[in-house]
C-alpha cells in the first residue's frame, strides 16, 4: 500500500494544475498585450516622426526654391523703372488679412468655435521677374518644351495650398507657329487656353484677341503682367488685387478652355469678394483654414461656385491640375517689408514688441527698424497707405473707397508719364512736357506727374514666413526667409 501511494504522489507531482495553467496563460496574455501596446506606441511614434520629417523636408524644399527665385530678381528696387531698361518688375500685394483684419478675426477652430491662433497672415501675394542663376527655366510650348533663363513668377495661397506660377519670358516664341505656317503670334489656339498650350508670359492684344509673348520691358507695365488686366475694360492701375481673398488664378483654372471667355467672366461678375470691413464685423465670413478654407463663400451669402477646401473655381477646372502646387496644409504666407523708421516698443515683460504684434500700442519706444506689413498704420513711409496717384492706396484718387483695400509695393513704370494718355492728372503727361503746368515755378515736378508709385522709397529687404500644419499629428512648423536687396545690408 505504501509503495502504491508513493507512485501516485510521483505521478501527480509531475503535472500542472488548472489554476497554474490559467495563471500562466493570463500572464502570457498580459505580456503579449504589453508588447503589442509598446509596438503600437513605437509604430505611432515612428509614423508621427516620419510625418514630421516629411513636413519639414517639404517646407525646407519650398524655402530653397523661394530663396533661389529671390536671388535672381531682375529689377532695381527704386521705382519707377523705365521699360527701355528691360528690368522687369517686383510687386508685393499686402492683402487685407494682417494690417486691416487680424488673422484670428477670420480664422476659427471649428471644433471649439474659438479664434484659431495657429493661423498667421496668409493672403499676401509676391510677384516678380527673376533670372535663373543655375540652369534655365523649362516650360511647355505645344507638344514640346522650351527653356528660358528668365521667368515671371507669382507666389500665393489659395485655400491652404501654396502655389508658384512660373511663366517663361520668351519673346522669341512670337515666331513659333502652332501649325507650321507663317503666323507670327499665338492667335490660332481656337478653344484651347493659352495656358494649356504654353508656359510663356503673355499679354492679351485686345484689338485682335491675340496673345503676345512679353519681354522684360513689357512686364515693367502693370497691364502686361499675369492676372492684372482681366478683361479689356479693366482700367488703370490694372490691379491684381481684384481677385481679393481668392488670391491669383491657378494653372488648373487658367488651363480651362473657357478662361478669358467673356461669357464665363460675366457669371463671375469680376469676383465680388467681401470687403475687409465685412470680414471684420460679420462672423459668417469666418472659416476654418485647416479644414474648409473657403466655406465662408456659401455661408457669407455669396454665389461664387468655389470648392470649399481647395478654393478652385468650379466652372474652370482645367486639365493642368496641381502642376503649380508647391506646398499643402499652409496656414501662413506672411510677407513683410523692412521699414527703417518703424518703432520698436518695450513690452511689459521687457520684451521687444514690433508693429502688428499683440501688445503693440503705447509702450515706450526703444529703437527703430523692423519688418512690417505694408500700411501697418504708423507714421512712417511704409506705415501709411500708398500714394493716391498710384490708385493703390486706401482710396482711389477721386476719393472713392476701394472695394478690396490692399496695399501694394510696385516698382512701377515710367511709361505712364510718356504714353500720351491721361491716367489721373488733369492733362496727359504734364510731368514730362517741359512746362510748369501747376505754376509753382518748377518745370515737370512730381506734382505734375500723371501717376506716382504707391511707395516711392527703395525697398531694402523683405521677410517671408511660411507656416504649415501636419493634419495627423497636428504639429506646426514654420520657416522664415529674409532677403536683402542691398548688398551688405544688415537686417535681423
Protein backbone atom coordinates (compact mmCIF):
# COMPACT_ATOMS: atom_id res chain seq x y z
CA UNK A 1 0.00 0.00 0.00
CA UNK A 2 2.78 2.39 0.88
CA UNK A 3 4.57 1.70 -2.38
CA UNK A 4 1.39 2.34 -4.42
CA UNK A 5 0.72 5.69 -2.72
CA UNK A 6 4.27 6.81 -3.34
CA UNK A 7 3.92 6.11 -7.05
CA UNK A 8 0.65 8.01 -7.18
CA UNK A 9 2.26 11.02 -5.48
CA UNK A 10 5.06 10.95 -8.01
CA UNK A 11 2.59 10.88 -10.87
CA UNK A 12 0.64 13.85 -9.51
CA UNK A 13 3.73 15.94 -8.85
CA UNK A 14 4.85 15.66 -12.50
CA UNK A 15 1.93 17.80 -13.97
CA UNK A 16 0.35 21.31 -13.64
CA UNK A 17 -2.90 22.16 -12.04
CA UNK A 18 -5.63 24.03 -13.88
CA UNK A 19 -5.01 27.09 -11.74
CA UNK A 20 -1.36 27.09 -12.70
CA UNK A 21 -2.20 26.83 -16.39
CA UNK A 22 -4.74 29.63 -16.20
CA UNK A 23 -2.30 31.82 -14.33
CA UNK A 24 0.44 31.21 -16.88
CA UNK A 25 -1.93 31.89 -19.75
CA UNK A 26 -3.11 35.12 -18.16
CA UNK A 27 0.45 36.28 -17.60
CA UNK A 28 1.33 35.45 -21.22
CA UNK A 29 -1.68 37.39 -22.48
CA UNK A 30 -0.76 40.36 -20.30
CA UNK A 31 2.80 40.25 -21.60
CA UNK A 32 1.57 39.99 -25.19
CA UNK A 33 -0.78 42.93 -24.66
CA UNK A 34 2.08 44.92 -23.22
CA UNK A 35 4.29 44.07 -26.18
CA UNK A 36 1.50 44.96 -28.64
CA UNK A 37 0.88 48.24 -26.80
CA UNK A 38 4.56 49.08 -26.84
CA UNK A 39 4.88 48.16 -30.52
CA UNK A 40 1.78 50.23 -31.33
CA UNK A 41 3.17 53.20 -29.46
CA UNK A 42 6.51 52.78 -31.20
CA UNK A 43 4.72 52.49 -34.56
CA UNK A 44 2.67 55.63 -33.92
CA UNK A 45 5.75 57.47 -32.79
CA UNK A 46 7.60 56.37 -35.91
CA UNK A 47 4.67 57.43 -38.12
CA UNK A 48 4.44 60.78 -36.34
CA UNK A 49 8.18 61.26 -36.63
CA UNK A 50 8.10 60.30 -40.31
CA UNK A 51 5.22 62.71 -40.95
CA UNK A 52 7.02 65.50 -39.12
CA UNK A 53 10.23 64.84 -41.06
CA UNK A 54 8.36 64.79 -44.37
CA UNK A 55 6.66 68.07 -43.47
CA UNK A 56 10.00 69.60 -42.53
CA UNK A 57 11.56 68.35 -45.79
CA UNK A 58 8.74 69.83 -47.89
CA UNK A 59 8.98 73.10 -46.02
CA UNK A 60 12.76 73.17 -46.44
CA UNK A 61 12.47 72.45 -50.18
CA UNK A 62 9.93 75.26 -50.57
CA UNK A 63 12.22 77.65 -48.73
CA UNK A 64 15.12 76.74 -51.03
CA UNK A 65 13.03 77.30 -54.17
CA UNK A 66 11.82 80.68 -52.95
CA UNK A 67 15.32 81.76 -51.94
CA UNK A 68 16.65 80.92 -55.41
CA UNK A 69 13.80 82.85 -57.02
CA UNK A 70 14.55 85.89 -54.88
CA UNK A 71 18.28 85.75 -55.57
CA UNK A 72 17.68 86.20 -59.30
CA UNK A 73 15.29 89.19 -59.20
CA UNK A 74 15.99 91.30 -62.28
CA UNK A 75 14.77 94.77 -61.27
CA UNK A 76 16.30 97.54 -59.15
CA UNK A 77 14.12 98.33 -56.11
CA UNK A 78 13.84 102.05 -56.82
CA UNK A 79 10.53 102.95 -58.50
CA UNK A 80 9.57 103.98 -61.09
CA UNK A 81 11.52 101.94 -63.66
CA UNK A 82 11.77 102.60 -67.39
CA UNK A 83 10.61 99.84 -69.77
CA UNK A 84 13.52 100.53 -72.11
CA UNK A 85 15.85 99.33 -69.34
CA UNK A 86 14.33 95.82 -69.70
CA UNK A 87 14.41 95.10 -65.98
CA UNK A 88 11.01 93.50 -65.45
CA UNK A 89 9.24 94.19 -62.17
CA UNK A 90 8.69 93.41 -58.50
CA UNK A 91 5.28 93.58 -56.84
CA UNK A 92 4.14 92.78 -53.32
CA UNK A 93 0.39 92.78 -52.67
CA UNK A 94 -0.46 93.04 -48.99
CA UNK A 95 -3.94 91.55 -48.59
CA UNK A 96 -6.48 92.77 -46.03
CA UNK A 97 -5.67 89.92 -43.62
CA UNK A 98 -2.91 91.41 -41.49
CA UNK A 99 -2.88 95.20 -41.40
CA UNK A 100 -6.68 95.60 -41.71
CA UNK A 101 -8.10 92.36 -40.34
CA UNK A 102 -6.30 90.23 -37.77
CA UNK A 103 -6.00 86.56 -38.81
CA UNK A 104 -7.83 85.49 -35.63
CA UNK A 105 -10.85 87.58 -36.70
CA UNK A 106 -11.09 85.49 -39.86
CA UNK A 107 -9.77 82.05 -38.86
CA UNK A 108 -11.62 79.93 -36.30
CA UNK A 109 -11.25 76.45 -34.88
CA UNK A 110 -14.49 74.76 -35.92
CA UNK A 111 -14.11 72.16 -33.13
CA UNK A 112 -14.09 74.76 -30.36
CA UNK A 113 -15.65 77.76 -32.10
CA UNK A 114 -12.77 79.89 -30.83
CA UNK A 115 -10.30 82.02 -32.84
CA UNK A 116 -7.53 79.92 -34.36
CA UNK A 117 -4.28 81.39 -33.08
CA UNK A 118 -2.20 78.99 -35.17
CA UNK A 119 -3.09 80.91 -38.35
CA UNK A 120 -1.00 83.91 -39.39
CA UNK A 121 -1.30 86.33 -42.32
CA UNK A 122 -1.86 84.13 -45.39
CA UNK A 123 -3.23 86.32 -48.20
CA UNK A 124 -0.08 88.16 -49.33
CA UNK A 125 0.97 87.84 -52.98
CA UNK A 126 4.54 88.03 -54.26
CA UNK A 127 5.17 88.58 -57.99
CA UNK A 128 8.43 89.37 -59.78
CA UNK A 129 10.71 88.59 -62.69
CA UNK A 130 13.79 86.56 -61.94
CA UNK A 131 16.82 85.17 -63.71
CA UNK A 132 17.82 81.59 -63.02
CA UNK A 133 21.47 81.53 -61.98
CA UNK A 134 21.80 77.73 -62.18
CA UNK A 135 20.25 76.31 -65.35
CA UNK A 136 17.25 77.66 -67.28
CA UNK A 137 13.53 77.53 -66.52
CA UNK A 138 11.72 74.85 -68.52
CA UNK A 139 8.11 75.08 -69.67
CA UNK A 140 5.58 73.71 -72.11
CA UNK A 141 5.09 75.01 -75.64
CA UNK A 142 2.57 72.91 -77.53
CA UNK A 143 3.74 69.32 -77.61
CA UNK A 144 7.35 70.23 -76.87
CA UNK A 145 9.21 72.20 -74.23
CA UNK A 146 11.22 75.41 -74.28
CA UNK A 147 13.82 76.95 -72.00
CA UNK A 148 14.50 80.48 -70.82
CA UNK A 149 16.86 81.90 -68.21
CA UNK A 150 14.21 84.46 -67.19
CA UNK A 151 10.68 83.95 -65.88
CA UNK A 152 7.74 85.80 -64.38
CA UNK A 153 6.87 84.13 -61.06
CA UNK A 154 3.94 84.50 -58.68
CA UNK A 155 3.73 83.05 -55.16
CA UNK A 156 0.29 82.99 -53.48
CA UNK A 157 -2.03 80.90 -51.32
CA UNK A 158 -5.42 79.51 -52.35
CA UNK A 159 -7.30 77.71 -49.61
CA UNK A 160 -4.44 76.19 -47.61
CA UNK A 161 -2.28 75.45 -50.67
CA UNK A 162 0.77 77.47 -51.67
CA UNK A 163 1.13 77.95 -55.42
CA UNK A 164 4.07 79.02 -57.59
CA UNK A 165 3.12 80.11 -61.11
CA UNK A 166 6.13 80.14 -63.45
CA UNK A 167 5.76 81.85 -66.85
CA UNK A 168 8.82 81.95 -69.08
CA UNK A 169 9.90 85.28 -70.52
CA UNK A 170 10.41 84.06 -74.07
CA UNK A 171 9.68 86.79 -76.64
CA UNK A 172 11.14 84.67 -79.45
CA UNK A 173 8.11 82.39 -79.28
CA UNK A 174 6.22 85.02 -81.29
CA UNK A 175 7.90 83.50 -84.34
CA UNK A 176 6.92 79.95 -83.44
CA UNK A 177 3.93 78.61 -85.31
CA UNK A 178 1.16 76.45 -83.95
CA UNK A 179 0.51 74.66 -87.22
CA UNK A 180 3.76 75.07 -89.14
CA UNK A 181 2.60 78.06 -91.16
CA UNK A 182 4.00 81.60 -91.02
CA UNK A 183 1.58 83.10 -88.48
CA UNK A 184 3.80 85.13 -86.13
CA UNK A 185 1.63 85.06 -82.99
CA UNK A 186 -0.40 82.82 -80.70
CA UNK A 187 -3.75 83.59 -82.28
CA UNK A 188 -4.55 80.08 -83.53
CA UNK A 189 -5.44 78.44 -80.25
CA UNK A 190 -9.11 78.06 -81.00
CA UNK A 191 -10.88 76.62 -77.94
CA UNK A 192 -7.62 75.73 -76.20
CA UNK A 193 -6.47 78.01 -73.40
CA UNK A 194 -3.14 79.73 -73.95
CA UNK A 195 -2.03 78.48 -70.53
CA UNK A 196 -2.90 74.92 -71.51
CA UNK A 197 -0.82 75.33 -74.64
CA UNK A 198 2.27 77.01 -73.15
CA UNK A 199 4.03 78.33 -70.05
CA UNK A 200 5.01 81.64 -71.61
CA UNK A 201 4.44 85.07 -70.04
CA UNK A 202 1.91 86.57 -72.44
CA UNK A 203 -0.33 89.61 -72.69
CA UNK A 204 -3.63 89.94 -74.49
CA UNK A 205 -3.82 92.10 -77.60
CA UNK A 206 -7.37 93.29 -77.02
CA UNK A 207 -7.74 94.74 -80.51
CA UNK A 208 -7.06 91.42 -82.27
CA UNK A 209 -7.60 88.89 -79.49
CA UNK A 210 -4.10 87.50 -80.00
CA UNK A 211 -1.70 86.58 -77.22
CA UNK A 212 1.70 88.29 -77.41
CA UNK A 213 4.76 86.99 -75.51
CA UNK A 214 6.28 89.52 -73.13
CA UNK A 215 9.75 90.94 -72.86
CA UNK A 216 11.14 92.20 -69.57
CA UNK A 217 10.41 95.69 -70.86
CA UNK A 218 6.76 94.77 -71.47
CA UNK A 219 6.44 93.42 -67.94
CA UNK A 220 7.53 96.74 -66.47
CA UNK A 221 4.00 97.91 -67.32
CA UNK A 222 1.37 96.51 -64.96
CA UNK A 223 -1.23 95.76 -67.64
CA UNK A 224 1.07 93.19 -69.26
CA UNK A 225 1.62 91.10 -66.14
CA UNK A 226 -0.12 87.89 -65.23
CA UNK A 227 -3.69 88.33 -63.89
CA UNK A 228 -3.60 92.14 -63.96
CA UNK A 229 -5.88 93.03 -66.87
CA UNK A 230 -8.75 90.61 -66.54
CA UNK A 231 -10.90 92.00 -69.36
CA UNK A 232 -10.41 94.75 -71.93
CA UNK A 233 -12.38 97.19 -69.79
CA UNK A 234 -10.20 96.56 -66.74
CA UNK A 235 -8.97 100.12 -66.02
CA UNK A 236 -5.71 101.61 -64.81
CA UNK A 237 -3.97 100.77 -62.47
CA UNK A 238 -4.76 97.19 -63.61
CA UNK A 239 -4.95 95.70 -60.14
CA UNK A 240 -4.28 92.05 -59.47
CA UNK A 241 -5.95 92.63 -56.11
CA UNK A 242 -9.28 92.44 -57.93
CA UNK A 243 -9.07 88.73 -57.04
CA UNK A 244 -9.35 89.68 -53.37
CA UNK A 245 -9.27 86.82 -50.86
CA UNK A 246 -9.35 84.36 -53.75
CA UNK A 247 -5.66 85.01 -54.46
CA UNK A 248 -4.49 84.68 -58.07
CA UNK A 249 -5.73 82.26 -60.75
CA UNK A 250 -4.18 78.81 -60.60
CA UNK A 251 -2.83 76.83 -63.53
CA UNK A 252 -5.78 74.45 -63.26
CA UNK A 253 -8.21 77.33 -63.73
CA UNK A 254 -6.33 79.17 -66.47
CA UNK A 255 -5.81 75.98 -68.49
CA UNK A 256 -9.59 75.59 -68.86
CA UNK A 257 -10.89 76.27 -72.37
CA UNK A 258 -13.29 78.98 -71.14
CA UNK A 259 -10.59 81.01 -69.45
CA UNK A 260 -10.77 84.67 -70.53
CA UNK A 261 -14.09 83.90 -72.17
CA UNK A 262 -16.29 86.95 -71.59
CA UNK A 263 -19.41 84.83 -71.18
CA UNK A 264 -17.68 82.92 -68.41
CA UNK A 265 -16.47 86.07 -66.73
CA UNK A 266 -19.93 87.60 -66.78
CA UNK A 267 -21.04 84.75 -64.50
CA UNK A 268 -18.25 85.56 -62.08
CA UNK A 269 -19.03 89.30 -62.20
CA UNK A 270 -15.37 90.08 -61.53
CA UNK A 271 -15.36 88.18 -58.24
CA UNK A 272 -17.45 90.24 -55.79
CA UNK A 273 -15.49 89.09 -52.76
CA UNK A 274 -16.17 90.62 -49.33
CA UNK A 275 -14.84 93.97 -48.24
CA UNK A 276 -12.40 93.74 -45.35
CA UNK A 277 -14.88 95.55 -43.14
CA UNK A 278 -17.37 92.73 -43.67
CA UNK A 279 -14.78 90.14 -42.76
CA UNK A 280 -14.02 92.12 -39.65
CA UNK A 281 -17.60 92.52 -38.45
CA UNK A 282 -19.58 89.54 -39.75
CA UNK A 283 -18.97 86.12 -38.23
CA UNK A 284 -20.48 84.48 -41.33
CA UNK A 285 -17.21 85.10 -43.13
CA UNK A 286 -15.11 83.26 -40.54
CA UNK A 287 -13.69 79.92 -41.61
CA UNK A 288 -11.53 77.01 -40.51
CA UNK A 289 -8.33 77.32 -42.52
CA UNK A 290 -7.30 73.78 -41.55
CA UNK A 291 -10.43 72.01 -42.79
CA UNK A 292 -12.51 74.15 -45.17
CA UNK A 293 -10.77 77.43 -46.03
CA UNK A 294 -13.46 78.55 -48.47
CA UNK A 295 -16.71 77.54 -46.82
CA UNK A 296 -17.20 81.22 -45.96
CA UNK A 297 -18.19 81.75 -49.61
CA UNK A 298 -21.52 79.96 -49.21
CA UNK A 299 -22.07 80.87 -45.56
CA UNK A 300 -21.39 84.53 -46.38
CA UNK A 301 -24.24 84.57 -48.87
CA UNK A 302 -22.04 84.72 -51.98
CA UNK A 303 -22.83 82.75 -55.12
CA UNK A 304 -19.35 82.03 -56.42
CA UNK A 305 -19.02 78.36 -57.40
CA UNK A 306 -15.88 77.54 -55.40
CA UNK A 307 -14.59 74.30 -53.96
CA UNK A 308 -14.77 74.89 -50.17
CA UNK A 309 -11.42 73.22 -49.48
CA UNK A 310 -9.20 73.98 -52.48
CA UNK A 311 -10.76 77.32 -53.38
CA UNK A 312 -10.80 76.35 -57.07
CA UNK A 313 -13.48 77.90 -59.28
CA UNK A 314 -15.85 75.08 -60.18
CA UNK A 315 -16.50 76.46 -63.67
CA UNK A 316 -12.80 76.48 -64.53
CA UNK A 317 -11.37 73.06 -63.68
CA UNK A 318 -8.83 72.66 -66.46
CA UNK A 319 -6.53 69.76 -67.37
CA UNK A 320 -3.38 71.04 -65.64
CA UNK A 321 -4.42 70.47 -62.04
CA UNK A 322 -1.74 70.60 -59.35
CA UNK A 323 1.22 71.38 -61.60
CA UNK A 324 1.84 74.70 -59.84
CA UNK A 325 1.33 73.40 -56.29
CA UNK A 326 4.39 73.86 -54.07
CA UNK A 327 3.13 73.14 -50.57
CA UNK A 328 -0.07 71.92 -48.91
CA UNK A 329 -1.55 72.41 -45.43
CA UNK A 330 -0.40 76.03 -45.37
CA UNK A 331 -1.76 78.33 -42.66
CA UNK A 332 0.56 81.25 -43.19
CA UNK A 333 2.32 83.11 -46.01
CA UNK A 334 3.28 86.44 -44.49
CA UNK A 335 5.46 88.88 -46.44
CA UNK A 336 6.77 91.94 -44.61
CA UNK A 337 8.98 94.82 -45.74
CA UNK A 338 11.89 96.37 -43.90
CA UNK A 339 10.84 99.78 -42.53
CA UNK A 340 13.90 101.56 -41.10
CA UNK A 341 11.65 104.03 -39.23
CA UNK A 342 9.21 101.54 -37.70
CA UNK A 343 9.27 101.89 -33.90
CA UNK A 344 10.27 99.06 -31.61
CA UNK A 345 8.50 99.17 -28.27
CA UNK A 346 9.35 97.70 -24.89
CA UNK A 347 6.61 95.40 -23.62
CA UNK A 348 5.54 94.90 -20.01
CA UNK A 349 7.82 91.87 -19.65
CA UNK A 350 10.81 93.81 -21.04
CA UNK A 351 10.43 92.12 -24.43
CA UNK A 352 10.62 93.85 -27.82
CA UNK A 353 7.22 94.45 -29.42
CA UNK A 354 7.01 95.20 -33.14
CA UNK A 355 4.23 96.82 -35.22
CA UNK A 356 1.40 94.39 -35.90
CA UNK A 357 2.17 92.19 -32.89
CA UNK A 358 -0.21 91.78 -29.94
CA UNK A 359 0.50 94.41 -27.32
CA UNK A 360 1.92 97.00 -29.70
CA UNK A 361 0.48 100.38 -28.79
CA UNK A 362 1.55 102.98 -26.25
CA UNK A 363 4.61 101.23 -24.84
CA UNK A 364 7.93 103.09 -24.59
CA UNK A 365 9.86 103.22 -27.88
CA UNK A 366 13.35 101.79 -27.51
CA UNK A 367 14.52 101.69 -31.14
CA UNK A 368 13.59 101.78 -34.80
CA UNK A 369 13.80 99.40 -37.74
CA UNK A 370 11.55 96.37 -38.16
CA UNK A 371 9.81 94.15 -40.70
CA UNK A 372 6.21 95.32 -41.02
CA UNK A 373 3.10 94.83 -43.13
CA UNK A 374 2.62 97.46 -45.80
CA UNK A 375 0.24 100.10 -44.48
CA UNK A 376 0.52 98.91 -40.89
CA UNK A 377 -0.87 102.24 -39.74
CA UNK A 378 2.13 104.06 -38.34
CA UNK A 379 3.52 107.43 -39.33
CA UNK A 380 6.31 106.04 -41.47
CA UNK A 381 6.84 105.75 -45.22
CA UNK A 382 5.72 102.12 -45.29
CA UNK A 383 3.20 102.51 -42.48
CA UNK A 384 0.86 104.80 -44.41
CA UNK A 385 -1.30 103.86 -47.42
CA UNK A 386 0.31 104.06 -50.85
CA UNK A 387 0.34 107.29 -52.80
CA UNK A 388 -3.17 108.16 -54.06
CA UNK A 389 -1.88 108.87 -57.58
CA UNK A 390 -0.98 105.21 -57.93
CA UNK A 391 -4.59 104.17 -57.43
CA UNK A 392 -3.34 101.55 -54.98
CA UNK A 393 -3.79 103.37 -51.67
CA UNK A 394 -6.70 103.24 -49.26
CA UNK A 395 -8.93 105.20 -51.68
CA UNK A 396 -8.94 105.96 -55.36
CA UNK A 397 -7.69 109.43 -56.41
CA UNK A 398 -11.27 110.69 -56.80
CA UNK A 399 -11.97 109.88 -53.15
CA UNK A 400 -13.96 106.68 -53.77
CA UNK A 401 -13.20 103.97 -51.17
CA UNK A 402 -11.58 100.87 -52.59
CA UNK A 403 -13.77 97.76 -52.77
CA UNK A 404 -10.93 95.45 -51.75
CA UNK A 405 -8.50 97.56 -49.70
CA UNK A 406 -4.94 96.39 -50.13
CA UNK A 407 -1.51 97.98 -50.07
CA UNK A 408 0.97 97.31 -52.85
CA UNK A 409 4.69 97.86 -53.29
CA UNK A 410 5.38 98.07 -57.01
CA UNK A 411 8.49 99.03 -58.96
CA UNK A 412 6.00 100.77 -61.30
CA UNK A 413 6.59 102.08 -64.81
CA UNK A 414 7.73 105.48 -66.03
CA UNK A 415 5.88 104.74 -69.28
CA UNK A 416 2.68 106.14 -67.79
CA UNK A 417 4.31 109.59 -67.89
CA UNK A 418 5.16 109.37 -71.59
CA UNK A 419 2.30 107.39 -73.11
CA UNK A 420 0.24 110.43 -74.19
CA UNK A 421 -2.73 109.19 -72.15
CA UNK A 422 -4.37 110.62 -69.07
CA UNK A 423 -4.40 108.36 -66.04
CA UNK A 424 -5.05 110.63 -63.07
CA UNK A 425 -3.56 114.05 -63.93
CA UNK A 426 -5.79 116.84 -65.33
CA UNK A 427 -3.94 116.61 -68.63
CA UNK A 428 -1.93 113.73 -70.07
CA UNK A 429 1.81 113.60 -69.35
CA UNK A 430 2.00 117.02 -67.72
CA UNK A 431 5.00 115.85 -65.75
CA UNK A 432 7.17 115.36 -68.85
CA UNK A 433 6.01 118.07 -71.29
CA UNK A 434 8.66 120.66 -70.37
CA UNK A 435 6.21 123.20 -68.90
CA UNK A 436 5.35 124.44 -65.43
CA UNK A 437 1.75 123.28 -65.58
CA UNK A 438 0.89 123.83 -61.90
CA UNK A 439 2.52 127.27 -61.67
CA UNK A 440 4.80 126.52 -58.75
CA UNK A 441 7.90 127.75 -60.55
CA UNK A 442 9.28 124.24 -61.15
CA UNK A 443 9.11 122.53 -64.53
CA UNK A 444 7.86 118.93 -64.53
CA UNK A 445 7.91 118.50 -60.75
CA UNK A 446 6.31 115.46 -59.06
CA UNK A 447 3.10 117.40 -58.51
CA UNK A 448 2.58 117.45 -62.28
CA UNK A 449 3.15 113.74 -62.74
CA UNK A 450 0.26 111.74 -64.13
CA UNK A 451 0.90 108.87 -61.72
CA UNK A 452 3.27 108.04 -58.91
CA UNK A 453 4.37 104.67 -57.48
CA UNK A 454 2.40 103.62 -54.40
CA UNK A 455 5.64 103.69 -52.41
CA UNK A 456 8.46 105.69 -53.95
CA UNK A 457 11.07 104.55 -51.43
CA UNK A 458 13.64 101.89 -52.28
CA UNK A 459 12.80 98.51 -50.81
CA UNK A 460 15.75 97.34 -48.76
CA UNK A 461 14.66 93.87 -47.66
CA UNK A 462 11.69 91.57 -47.16
CA UNK A 463 10.86 88.86 -44.67
CA UNK A 464 8.69 85.86 -45.58
CA UNK A 465 7.18 83.45 -43.05
CA UNK A 466 5.64 80.21 -44.25
CA UNK A 467 3.69 78.16 -41.71
CA UNK A 468 2.26 74.66 -42.26
CA UNK A 469 0.48 72.03 -40.20
CA UNK A 470 0.62 68.24 -40.21
CA UNK A 471 -3.01 67.03 -40.10
CA UNK A 472 -2.44 63.69 -38.35
CA UNK A 473 -0.11 64.83 -35.59
CA UNK A 474 -1.43 68.42 -35.56
CA UNK A 475 2.13 69.68 -35.36
CA UNK A 476 3.05 73.10 -36.75
CA UNK A 477 6.27 74.09 -38.49
CA UNK A 478 7.45 77.44 -39.79
CA UNK A 479 10.36 78.82 -41.77
CA UNK A 480 11.44 82.43 -42.06
CA UNK A 481 13.27 83.82 -45.09
CA UNK A 482 14.99 87.20 -45.03
CA UNK A 483 16.18 88.55 -48.36
CA UNK A 484 18.13 91.78 -48.73
CA UNK A 485 18.03 93.73 -51.98
CA UNK A 486 21.01 95.86 -50.99
CA UNK A 487 24.39 94.08 -50.75
CA UNK A 488 25.87 94.32 -47.30
CA UNK A 489 22.64 95.46 -45.63
CA UNK A 490 22.46 94.04 -42.11
CA UNK A 491 18.90 93.27 -41.08
CA UNK A 492 17.79 90.88 -38.33
